């Protein structure tokens, strides 16, 4: 039997029979973070990236490493966290996305339930969120994975917390 715990550090599964914790989803690391194993080997937990983040979306997790928290703002991709990272656990690449985060919409979305709401779409500068009309006055939100930057700006204005970020490997 497994139980799932949702934390700022990612989703963890507790295998009750084996008594082990194992990560089901990796934690949301700052943009341009190295792969999780390499990131944990290199990151010193110095908090320089956290201190350098203008929108203050980086927080220190229980394990001492930085994680992204979109509670109050989204990422501007300014790169200040990368510049502040002396151990080079964050390395800005110019040939790809800063991370593999992608917005997803939960069934609790007001628009999908028939209540007029476009808050997430209005905040999406990338115009990755559109709404498809459906029967019964519903308007289902559609996230374009190619346009979504994973910035998180759509999360804060949602009145029912229906927007979440998942790590989603995208084809270039």
N, C-alpha and C. Protein backbone atom coordinates (compact mmCIF):
# COMPACT_ATOMS: atom_id res chain seq x y z
N UNK A 1 0.84 -1.18 0.00
CA UNK A 1 0.00 0.00 0.00
C UNK A 1 0.89 1.24 0.00
N UNK A 2 0.55 2.21 -0.83
CA UNK A 2 1.32 3.46 -0.92
C UNK A 2 0.46 4.64 -0.51
N UNK A 3 1.06 5.61 0.13
CA UNK A 3 0.42 6.88 0.42
C UNK A 3 1.23 7.94 -0.28
N UNK A 4 0.57 9.01 -0.71
CA UNK A 4 1.25 10.08 -1.42
C UNK A 4 1.22 11.33 -0.56
N UNK A 5 2.35 12.01 -0.48
CA UNK A 5 2.44 13.29 0.24
C UNK A 5 2.89 14.35 -0.74
N UNK A 6 2.16 15.46 -0.81
CA UNK A 6 2.50 16.57 -1.68
C UNK A 6 3.20 17.63 -0.85
N UNK A 7 4.44 17.94 -1.21
CA UNK A 7 5.22 18.93 -0.47
C UNK A 7 5.86 19.89 -1.45
N UNK A 8 6.44 20.98 -0.93
CA UNK A 8 7.16 21.93 -1.78
C UNK A 8 8.37 21.27 -2.43
N UNK A 9 8.82 20.17 -1.85
CA UNK A 9 9.99 19.49 -2.38
C UNK A 9 9.61 18.44 -3.42
N UNK A 10 8.36 18.31 -3.74
CA UNK A 10 7.92 17.35 -4.74
C UNK A 10 6.94 16.37 -4.14
N UNK A 11 6.52 15.44 -4.94
CA UNK A 11 5.59 14.42 -4.48
C UNK A 11 6.41 13.26 -3.96
N UNK A 12 6.06 12.77 -2.80
CA UNK A 12 6.77 11.64 -2.20
C UNK A 12 5.79 10.51 -1.98
N UNK A 13 6.23 9.30 -2.25
CA UNK A 13 5.43 8.11 -1.99
C UNK A 13 6.03 7.39 -0.79
N UNK A 14 5.18 7.03 0.11
CA UNK A 14 5.61 6.24 1.25
C UNK A 14 5.13 4.82 1.01
N UNK A 15 6.07 3.93 0.82
CA UNK A 15 5.76 2.52 0.64
C UNK A 15 5.57 1.94 2.03
N UNK A 16 4.31 1.79 2.46
CA UNK A 16 4.01 1.36 3.82
C UNK A 16 4.49 -0.05 4.12
N UNK A 17 4.51 -0.90 3.14
CA UNK A 17 4.98 -2.26 3.38
C UNK A 17 6.49 -2.31 3.49
N UNK A 18 7.18 -1.53 2.67
CA UNK A 18 8.64 -1.53 2.69
C UNK A 18 9.21 -0.47 3.61
N UNK A 19 8.37 0.49 4.08
CA UNK A 19 8.83 1.52 4.99
C UNK A 19 9.80 2.50 4.38
N UNK A 20 9.70 2.73 3.09
CA UNK A 20 10.64 3.61 2.40
C UNK A 20 9.93 4.82 1.82
N UNK A 21 10.65 5.94 1.77
CA UNK A 21 10.17 7.12 1.05
C UNK A 21 10.88 7.15 -0.29
N UNK A 22 10.14 7.43 -1.32
CA UNK A 22 10.78 7.60 -2.62
C UNK A 22 10.07 8.71 -3.37
N UNK A 23 10.84 9.50 -4.10
CA UNK A 23 10.28 10.64 -4.82
C UNK A 23 9.50 10.16 -6.02
N UNK A 24 8.26 10.61 -6.16
CA UNK A 24 7.45 10.28 -7.32
C UNK A 24 7.66 11.33 -8.40
N UNK A 25 7.80 12.57 -8.01
CA UNK A 25 8.09 13.66 -8.93
C UNK A 25 9.24 14.46 -8.34
N UNK A 26 10.17 14.89 -9.18
CA UNK A 26 11.27 15.69 -8.63
C UNK A 26 10.75 17.04 -8.15
N UNK A 27 11.45 17.65 -7.19
CA UNK A 27 11.04 18.97 -6.73
C UNK A 27 11.24 20.01 -7.84
N UNK A 28 10.52 21.10 -7.76
CA UNK A 28 10.68 22.17 -8.75
C UNK A 28 11.90 22.99 -8.36
N UNK A 29 12.96 22.84 -9.11
CA UNK A 29 14.21 23.55 -8.88
C UNK A 29 14.20 24.88 -9.64
N UNK A 30 15.15 25.78 -9.33
CA UNK A 30 15.23 27.05 -10.06
C UNK A 30 15.44 26.81 -11.56
N UNK A 31 15.16 27.82 -12.37
CA UNK A 31 15.40 27.65 -13.81
C UNK A 31 16.87 27.37 -14.08
N UNK A 32 17.12 26.62 -15.11
CA UNK A 32 18.46 26.25 -15.56
C UNK A 32 19.21 25.38 -14.57
N UNK A 33 18.48 24.68 -13.69
CA UNK A 33 19.13 23.77 -12.74
C UNK A 33 19.63 22.53 -13.48
N UNK A 34 20.72 22.00 -13.03
CA UNK A 34 21.23 20.75 -13.58
C UNK A 34 20.25 19.63 -13.24
N UNK A 35 20.45 18.46 -13.78
CA UNK A 35 19.62 17.32 -13.44
C UNK A 35 19.64 17.09 -11.93
N UNK A 36 18.60 16.49 -11.37
CA UNK A 36 18.43 16.42 -9.92
C UNK A 36 19.62 15.82 -9.20
N UNK A 37 20.14 14.70 -9.64
CA UNK A 37 21.26 14.07 -8.94
C UNK A 37 22.50 14.97 -8.98
N UNK A 38 22.80 15.51 -10.15
CA UNK A 38 23.96 16.39 -10.28
C UNK A 38 23.74 17.70 -9.51
N UNK A 39 22.51 18.21 -9.53
CA UNK A 39 22.19 19.43 -8.79
C UNK A 39 22.47 19.23 -7.30
N UNK A 40 22.00 18.12 -6.74
CA UNK A 40 22.22 17.85 -5.31
C UNK A 40 23.69 17.64 -4.98
N UNK A 41 24.45 17.09 -5.93
CA UNK A 41 25.89 16.92 -5.70
C UNK A 41 26.63 18.25 -5.67
N UNK A 42 26.17 19.21 -6.49
CA UNK A 42 26.90 20.46 -6.66
C UNK A 42 26.38 21.58 -5.77
N UNK A 43 25.06 21.68 -5.60
CA UNK A 43 24.47 22.77 -4.82
C UNK A 43 24.95 22.70 -3.37
N UNK A 44 25.39 23.83 -2.84
CA UNK A 44 25.88 23.89 -1.46
C UNK A 44 24.80 24.37 -0.49
N UNK A 45 23.64 24.78 -1.01
CA UNK A 45 22.59 25.30 -0.14
C UNK A 45 22.93 26.66 0.43
N UNK A 46 23.73 27.43 -0.29
CA UNK A 46 24.21 28.73 0.21
C UNK A 46 23.15 29.82 0.22
N UNK A 47 22.06 29.64 -0.49
CA UNK A 47 20.94 30.59 -0.59
C UNK A 47 21.22 31.80 -1.48
N UNK A 48 22.34 31.83 -2.18
CA UNK A 48 22.65 32.97 -3.05
C UNK A 48 21.59 33.14 -4.14
N UNK A 49 21.11 32.05 -4.70
CA UNK A 49 20.08 32.14 -5.74
C UNK A 49 18.78 32.66 -5.16
N UNK A 50 18.47 32.23 -3.94
CA UNK A 50 17.24 32.67 -3.27
C UNK A 50 17.30 34.19 -3.02
N UNK A 51 18.44 34.65 -2.52
CA UNK A 51 18.62 36.07 -2.23
C UNK A 51 18.60 36.92 -3.50
N UNK A 52 19.04 36.35 -4.62
CA UNK A 52 19.14 37.11 -5.87
C UNK A 52 17.85 37.16 -6.67
N UNK A 53 16.85 36.38 -6.31
CA UNK A 53 15.62 36.25 -7.10
C UNK A 53 14.70 37.45 -6.92
N UNK A 54 14.56 38.34 -7.95
CA UNK A 54 13.71 39.53 -7.80
C UNK A 54 12.24 39.24 -7.48
N UNK A 55 11.60 38.24 -8.12
CA UNK A 55 10.20 37.98 -7.75
C UNK A 55 10.04 37.15 -6.47
N UNK A 56 11.15 36.75 -5.87
CA UNK A 56 11.16 35.98 -4.62
C UNK A 56 10.36 34.68 -4.71
N UNK A 57 10.55 33.95 -5.81
CA UNK A 57 9.86 32.67 -5.96
C UNK A 57 10.70 31.49 -5.49
N UNK A 58 11.96 31.73 -5.15
CA UNK A 58 12.82 30.65 -4.68
C UNK A 58 12.79 30.62 -3.16
N UNK A 59 12.60 29.43 -2.63
CA UNK A 59 12.54 29.21 -1.18
C UNK A 59 13.48 28.07 -0.83
N UNK A 60 13.89 28.02 0.43
CA UNK A 60 14.74 26.92 0.89
C UNK A 60 13.83 25.78 1.35
N UNK A 61 14.06 24.60 0.79
CA UNK A 61 13.29 23.42 1.17
C UNK A 61 13.92 22.78 2.40
N UNK A 62 13.20 21.86 3.00
CA UNK A 62 13.69 21.17 4.19
C UNK A 62 15.06 20.53 3.98
N UNK A 63 15.32 20.04 2.80
CA UNK A 63 16.60 19.39 2.52
C UNK A 63 17.73 20.41 2.36
N UNK A 64 17.40 21.71 2.37
CA UNK A 64 18.42 22.75 2.26
C UNK A 64 18.64 23.27 0.86
N UNK A 65 17.99 22.66 -0.12
CA UNK A 65 18.14 23.09 -1.50
C UNK A 65 17.02 24.04 -1.89
N UNK A 66 17.26 24.90 -2.88
CA UNK A 66 16.19 25.82 -3.31
C UNK A 66 15.12 25.12 -4.14
N UNK A 67 13.88 25.54 -3.92
CA UNK A 67 12.75 25.09 -4.72
C UNK A 67 11.95 26.30 -5.15
N UNK A 68 11.16 26.12 -6.18
CA UNK A 68 10.33 27.19 -6.71
C UNK A 68 8.97 27.16 -6.02
N UNK A 69 8.50 28.35 -5.64
CA UNK A 69 7.19 28.51 -5.01
C UNK A 69 6.45 29.62 -5.75
N UNK A 70 5.44 29.23 -6.53
CA UNK A 70 4.68 30.20 -7.33
C UNK A 70 3.52 30.82 -6.58
N UNK A 71 3.49 30.73 -5.28
CA UNK A 71 2.37 31.23 -4.50
C UNK A 71 2.08 32.71 -4.74
N UNK A 72 3.10 33.53 -4.83
CA UNK A 72 2.89 34.99 -4.94
C UNK A 72 3.31 35.60 -6.26
N UNK A 73 4.05 34.88 -7.08
CA UNK A 73 4.54 35.46 -8.34
C UNK A 73 5.00 34.35 -9.26
N UNK A 74 5.32 34.76 -10.49
CA UNK A 74 5.87 33.84 -11.47
C UNK A 74 7.32 34.18 -11.75
N UNK A 75 7.99 33.34 -12.51
CA UNK A 75 9.40 33.54 -12.84
C UNK A 75 9.51 34.47 -14.04
N UNK A 76 10.43 35.42 -13.95
CA UNK A 76 10.66 36.36 -15.05
C UNK A 76 11.80 35.88 -15.96
N UNK A 77 12.47 34.81 -15.58
CA UNK A 77 13.62 34.27 -16.32
C UNK A 77 14.71 35.32 -16.50
N UNK A 78 14.90 36.14 -15.48
CA UNK A 78 15.91 37.20 -15.52
C UNK A 78 17.32 36.63 -15.48
N UNK A 79 17.49 35.47 -14.88
CA UNK A 79 18.80 34.83 -14.80
C UNK A 79 19.64 35.27 -13.61
N UNK A 80 19.08 36.09 -12.73
CA UNK A 80 19.85 36.53 -11.56
C UNK A 80 20.24 35.36 -10.66
N UNK A 81 19.40 34.35 -10.58
CA UNK A 81 19.72 33.17 -9.76
C UNK A 81 20.95 32.45 -10.33
N UNK A 82 21.02 32.37 -11.65
CA UNK A 82 22.15 31.71 -12.31
C UNK A 82 23.43 32.50 -12.06
N UNK A 83 23.36 33.81 -12.20
CA UNK A 83 24.54 34.64 -11.97
C UNK A 83 25.04 34.53 -10.54
N UNK A 84 24.14 34.35 -9.60
CA UNK A 84 24.52 34.28 -8.18
C UNK A 84 25.04 32.91 -7.77
N UNK A 85 24.81 31.89 -8.59
CA UNK A 85 25.18 30.51 -8.23
C UNK A 85 26.66 30.27 -8.48
N UNK A 86 27.46 30.34 -7.43
CA UNK A 86 28.91 30.13 -7.54
C UNK A 86 29.29 28.68 -7.79
N UNK A 87 28.62 27.70 -7.17
CA UNK A 87 29.03 26.31 -7.43
C UNK A 87 28.63 25.81 -8.83
N UNK A 88 27.82 26.59 -9.54
CA UNK A 88 27.36 26.25 -10.91
C UNK A 88 26.38 25.08 -10.94
N UNK A 89 25.47 25.05 -9.95
CA UNK A 89 24.38 24.09 -9.97
C UNK A 89 23.28 24.58 -10.90
N UNK A 90 23.32 25.88 -11.23
CA UNK A 90 22.43 26.51 -12.21
C UNK A 90 23.30 27.01 -13.34
N UNK A 91 23.04 26.55 -14.55
CA UNK A 91 23.84 26.92 -15.71
C UNK A 91 22.91 27.32 -16.83
N UNK A 92 22.94 28.59 -17.19
CA UNK A 92 22.03 29.11 -18.22
C UNK A 92 22.43 28.57 -19.59
N UNK A 93 21.48 27.97 -20.27
CA UNK A 93 21.71 27.52 -21.64
C UNK A 93 20.96 28.45 -22.57
N UNK A 94 21.46 28.63 -23.74
CA UNK A 94 20.81 29.52 -24.69
C UNK A 94 20.09 28.75 -25.79
N UNK A 95 20.23 27.44 -25.78
CA UNK A 95 19.65 26.65 -26.86
C UNK A 95 18.38 25.91 -26.48
N UNK A 96 17.87 26.15 -25.29
CA UNK A 96 16.67 25.43 -24.90
C UNK A 96 15.88 26.16 -23.84
N UNK A 97 14.89 25.49 -23.30
CA UNK A 97 14.05 26.04 -22.25
C UNK A 97 14.80 26.08 -20.93
N UNK A 98 14.40 27.00 -20.04
CA UNK A 98 15.07 27.07 -18.74
C UNK A 98 14.71 25.90 -17.82
N UNK A 99 13.62 25.23 -18.10
CA UNK A 99 13.20 24.07 -17.33
C UNK A 99 12.10 23.36 -18.07
N UNK A 100 11.64 22.25 -17.53
CA UNK A 100 10.61 21.46 -18.20
C UNK A 100 9.25 21.59 -17.52
N UNK A 101 9.06 22.68 -16.76
CA UNK A 101 7.78 22.88 -16.10
C UNK A 101 6.71 23.26 -17.12
N UNK A 102 5.53 22.76 -16.90
CA UNK A 102 4.39 23.00 -17.77
C UNK A 102 3.14 23.14 -16.92
N UNK A 103 2.33 24.13 -17.21
CA UNK A 103 1.08 24.34 -16.48
C UNK A 103 0.08 23.25 -16.82
N UNK A 104 -0.68 22.84 -15.83
CA UNK A 104 -1.78 21.90 -16.03
C UNK A 104 -3.00 22.46 -15.31
N UNK A 105 -4.16 22.04 -15.75
CA UNK A 105 -5.41 22.54 -15.17
C UNK A 105 -6.18 21.39 -14.54
N UNK A 106 -6.56 21.57 -13.29
CA UNK A 106 -7.31 20.55 -12.54
C UNK A 106 -8.80 20.64 -12.88
N UNK A 107 -9.55 19.58 -12.63
CA UNK A 107 -10.99 19.60 -12.89
C UNK A 107 -11.75 20.65 -12.08
N UNK A 108 -11.15 21.19 -11.04
CA UNK A 108 -11.82 22.21 -10.23
C UNK A 108 -11.86 23.58 -10.91
N UNK A 109 -11.31 23.72 -12.09
CA UNK A 109 -11.30 24.98 -12.84
C UNK A 109 -12.73 25.52 -13.00
N UNK A 110 -12.92 26.77 -12.64
CA UNK A 110 -14.26 27.39 -12.71
C UNK A 110 -14.79 27.42 -14.13
N UNK A 111 -13.94 27.78 -15.08
CA UNK A 111 -14.38 27.87 -16.47
C UNK A 111 -14.84 26.51 -17.00
N UNK A 112 -14.12 25.46 -16.63
CA UNK A 112 -14.49 24.11 -17.06
C UNK A 112 -15.79 23.65 -16.42
N UNK A 113 -16.17 24.29 -15.32
CA UNK A 113 -17.42 23.94 -14.62
C UNK A 113 -18.58 24.84 -15.04
N UNK A 114 -18.33 25.80 -15.94
CA UNK A 114 -19.42 26.63 -16.44
C UNK A 114 -19.47 28.03 -15.86
N UNK A 115 -18.52 28.41 -15.02
CA UNK A 115 -18.47 29.77 -14.47
C UNK A 115 -17.48 30.58 -15.28
N UNK A 116 -17.88 31.76 -15.67
CA UNK A 116 -17.02 32.61 -16.49
C UNK A 116 -15.77 33.01 -15.71
N UNK A 117 -14.62 32.54 -16.15
CA UNK A 117 -13.33 32.90 -15.54
C UNK A 117 -12.26 32.72 -16.61
N UNK A 118 -11.43 33.71 -16.74
CA UNK A 118 -10.31 33.66 -17.69
C UNK A 118 -9.04 34.23 -17.04
N UNK A 119 -8.99 34.19 -15.72
CA UNK A 119 -7.88 34.80 -15.00
C UNK A 119 -6.52 34.26 -15.45
N UNK A 120 -6.40 32.96 -15.58
CA UNK A 120 -5.12 32.37 -15.96
C UNK A 120 -4.72 32.79 -17.37
N UNK A 121 -5.67 32.76 -18.29
CA UNK A 121 -5.39 33.15 -19.66
C UNK A 121 -5.02 34.62 -19.79
N UNK A 122 -5.67 35.46 -18.98
CA UNK A 122 -5.36 36.90 -19.01
C UNK A 122 -3.95 37.17 -18.53
N UNK A 123 -3.44 36.36 -17.61
CA UNK A 123 -2.10 36.58 -17.07
C UNK A 123 -0.99 35.93 -17.89
N UNK A 124 -1.35 35.12 -18.87
CA UNK A 124 -0.36 34.37 -19.65
C UNK A 124 0.18 35.22 -20.80
N UNK A 125 1.37 35.80 -20.59
CA UNK A 125 1.99 36.62 -21.63
C UNK A 125 2.34 35.80 -22.87
N UNK A 126 2.62 34.52 -22.69
CA UNK A 126 2.98 33.65 -23.81
C UNK A 126 1.76 33.23 -24.62
N UNK A 127 0.57 33.55 -24.14
CA UNK A 127 -0.70 33.18 -24.76
C UNK A 127 -0.81 31.67 -24.97
N UNK A 128 -0.32 30.93 -23.96
CA UNK A 128 -0.34 29.48 -24.03
C UNK A 128 -1.67 28.90 -23.55
N UNK A 129 -2.51 29.73 -22.93
CA UNK A 129 -3.79 29.25 -22.41
C UNK A 129 -4.93 29.82 -23.25
N UNK A 130 -5.68 28.91 -23.86
CA UNK A 130 -6.86 29.31 -24.63
C UNK A 130 -8.05 28.54 -24.06
N UNK A 131 -9.24 28.92 -24.48
CA UNK A 131 -10.44 28.29 -23.95
C UNK A 131 -11.29 27.78 -25.10
N UNK A 132 -11.67 26.51 -25.01
CA UNK A 132 -12.49 25.87 -26.03
C UNK A 132 -13.91 25.76 -25.50
N UNK A 133 -14.83 26.36 -26.23
CA UNK A 133 -16.23 26.31 -25.82
C UNK A 133 -16.77 24.89 -25.88
N UNK A 134 -17.58 24.57 -24.89
CA UNK A 134 -18.19 23.24 -24.81
C UNK A 134 -19.67 23.42 -24.48
N UNK A 135 -20.42 22.35 -24.51
CA UNK A 135 -21.84 22.40 -24.19
C UNK A 135 -22.08 22.81 -22.75
N UNK A 136 -23.20 23.43 -22.49
CA UNK A 136 -23.59 23.79 -21.13
C UNK A 136 -22.91 25.03 -20.59
N UNK A 137 -22.39 25.88 -21.46
CA UNK A 137 -21.75 27.10 -21.01
C UNK A 137 -20.35 26.90 -20.48
N UNK A 138 -19.84 25.72 -20.63
CA UNK A 138 -18.49 25.45 -20.16
C UNK A 138 -17.48 25.91 -21.19
N UNK A 139 -16.30 26.24 -20.73
CA UNK A 139 -15.22 26.64 -21.60
C UNK A 139 -13.95 26.00 -21.07
N UNK A 140 -13.52 24.94 -21.73
CA UNK A 140 -12.39 24.17 -21.23
C UNK A 140 -11.06 24.85 -21.56
N UNK A 141 -10.22 25.07 -20.53
CA UNK A 141 -8.91 25.67 -20.78
C UNK A 141 -7.98 24.66 -21.45
N UNK A 142 -7.25 25.14 -22.43
CA UNK A 142 -6.30 24.32 -23.16
C UNK A 142 -4.92 24.96 -22.99
N UNK A 143 -3.93 24.16 -22.58
CA UNK A 143 -2.56 24.65 -22.43
C UNK A 143 -1.75 24.16 -23.63
N UNK A 144 -1.17 25.09 -24.38
CA UNK A 144 -0.31 24.74 -25.50
C UNK A 144 1.10 24.49 -24.95
N UNK A 145 1.51 23.23 -24.95
CA UNK A 145 2.80 22.84 -24.36
C UNK A 145 3.98 23.50 -25.07
N UNK A 146 3.82 23.83 -26.33
CA UNK A 146 4.92 24.48 -27.05
C UNK A 146 5.05 25.95 -26.70
N UNK A 147 3.96 26.58 -26.27
CA UNK A 147 4.01 27.99 -25.90
C UNK A 147 4.24 28.21 -24.41
N UNK A 148 3.81 27.27 -23.60
CA UNK A 148 3.93 27.42 -22.14
C UNK A 148 5.40 27.44 -21.73
N UNK A 149 5.80 28.49 -21.02
CA UNK A 149 7.18 28.60 -20.54
C UNK A 149 7.33 28.04 -19.14
N UNK A 150 6.23 27.73 -18.47
CA UNK A 150 6.27 27.26 -17.10
C UNK A 150 6.59 28.36 -16.12
N UNK A 151 6.33 29.60 -16.49
CA UNK A 151 6.68 30.75 -15.65
C UNK A 151 5.87 30.82 -14.36
N UNK A 152 4.67 30.24 -14.36
CA UNK A 152 3.85 30.22 -13.16
C UNK A 152 2.97 31.44 -12.95
N UNK A 153 2.99 32.40 -13.87
CA UNK A 153 2.15 33.60 -13.72
C UNK A 153 0.66 33.27 -13.69
N UNK A 154 0.28 32.14 -14.22
CA UNK A 154 -1.13 31.75 -14.25
C UNK A 154 -1.62 31.19 -12.92
N UNK A 155 -0.71 30.82 -12.04
CA UNK A 155 -1.09 30.17 -10.78
C UNK A 155 -1.70 31.14 -9.78
N UNK A 156 -1.05 32.25 -9.55
CA UNK A 156 -1.47 33.20 -8.52
C UNK A 156 -2.89 33.72 -8.69
N UNK A 157 -3.34 34.10 -9.89
CA UNK A 157 -4.68 34.67 -10.00
C UNK A 157 -5.82 33.67 -9.94
N UNK A 158 -5.54 32.38 -10.01
CA UNK A 158 -6.61 31.37 -10.03
C UNK A 158 -7.32 31.35 -8.68
N UNK A 159 -8.62 31.66 -8.67
CA UNK A 159 -9.35 31.72 -7.39
C UNK A 159 -9.61 30.36 -6.74
N UNK A 160 -9.42 29.27 -7.48
CA UNK A 160 -9.68 27.94 -6.91
C UNK A 160 -8.44 27.03 -6.94
N UNK A 161 -7.28 27.61 -7.15
CA UNK A 161 -6.02 26.85 -7.18
C UNK A 161 -6.08 25.66 -8.13
N UNK A 162 -6.61 25.90 -9.32
CA UNK A 162 -6.75 24.82 -10.29
C UNK A 162 -5.54 24.67 -11.21
N UNK A 163 -4.61 25.60 -11.14
CA UNK A 163 -3.43 25.52 -12.00
C UNK A 163 -2.25 24.97 -11.19
N UNK A 164 -1.58 24.00 -11.77
CA UNK A 164 -0.41 23.39 -11.14
C UNK A 164 0.70 23.29 -12.18
N UNK A 165 1.90 23.12 -11.71
CA UNK A 165 3.04 22.90 -12.59
C UNK A 165 3.51 21.46 -12.45
N UNK A 166 3.82 20.87 -13.57
CA UNK A 166 4.41 19.53 -13.57
C UNK A 166 5.69 19.58 -14.40
N UNK A 167 6.59 18.69 -14.10
CA UNK A 167 7.80 18.57 -14.92
C UNK A 167 7.41 17.69 -16.09
N UNK A 168 7.61 18.22 -17.28
CA UNK A 168 7.15 17.54 -18.49
C UNK A 168 8.22 17.65 -19.55
N UNK A 169 8.95 16.57 -19.84
CA UNK A 169 9.97 16.66 -20.89
C UNK A 169 9.32 16.99 -22.23
N UNK A 170 9.83 18.03 -22.86
CA UNK A 170 9.27 18.48 -24.14
C UNK A 170 10.27 18.22 -25.24
N UNK A 171 9.76 17.89 -26.40
CA UNK A 171 10.60 17.72 -27.58
C UNK A 171 10.93 19.09 -28.14
N UNK A 172 12.17 19.30 -28.49
CA UNK A 172 12.57 20.61 -29.06
C UNK A 172 12.23 20.70 -30.52
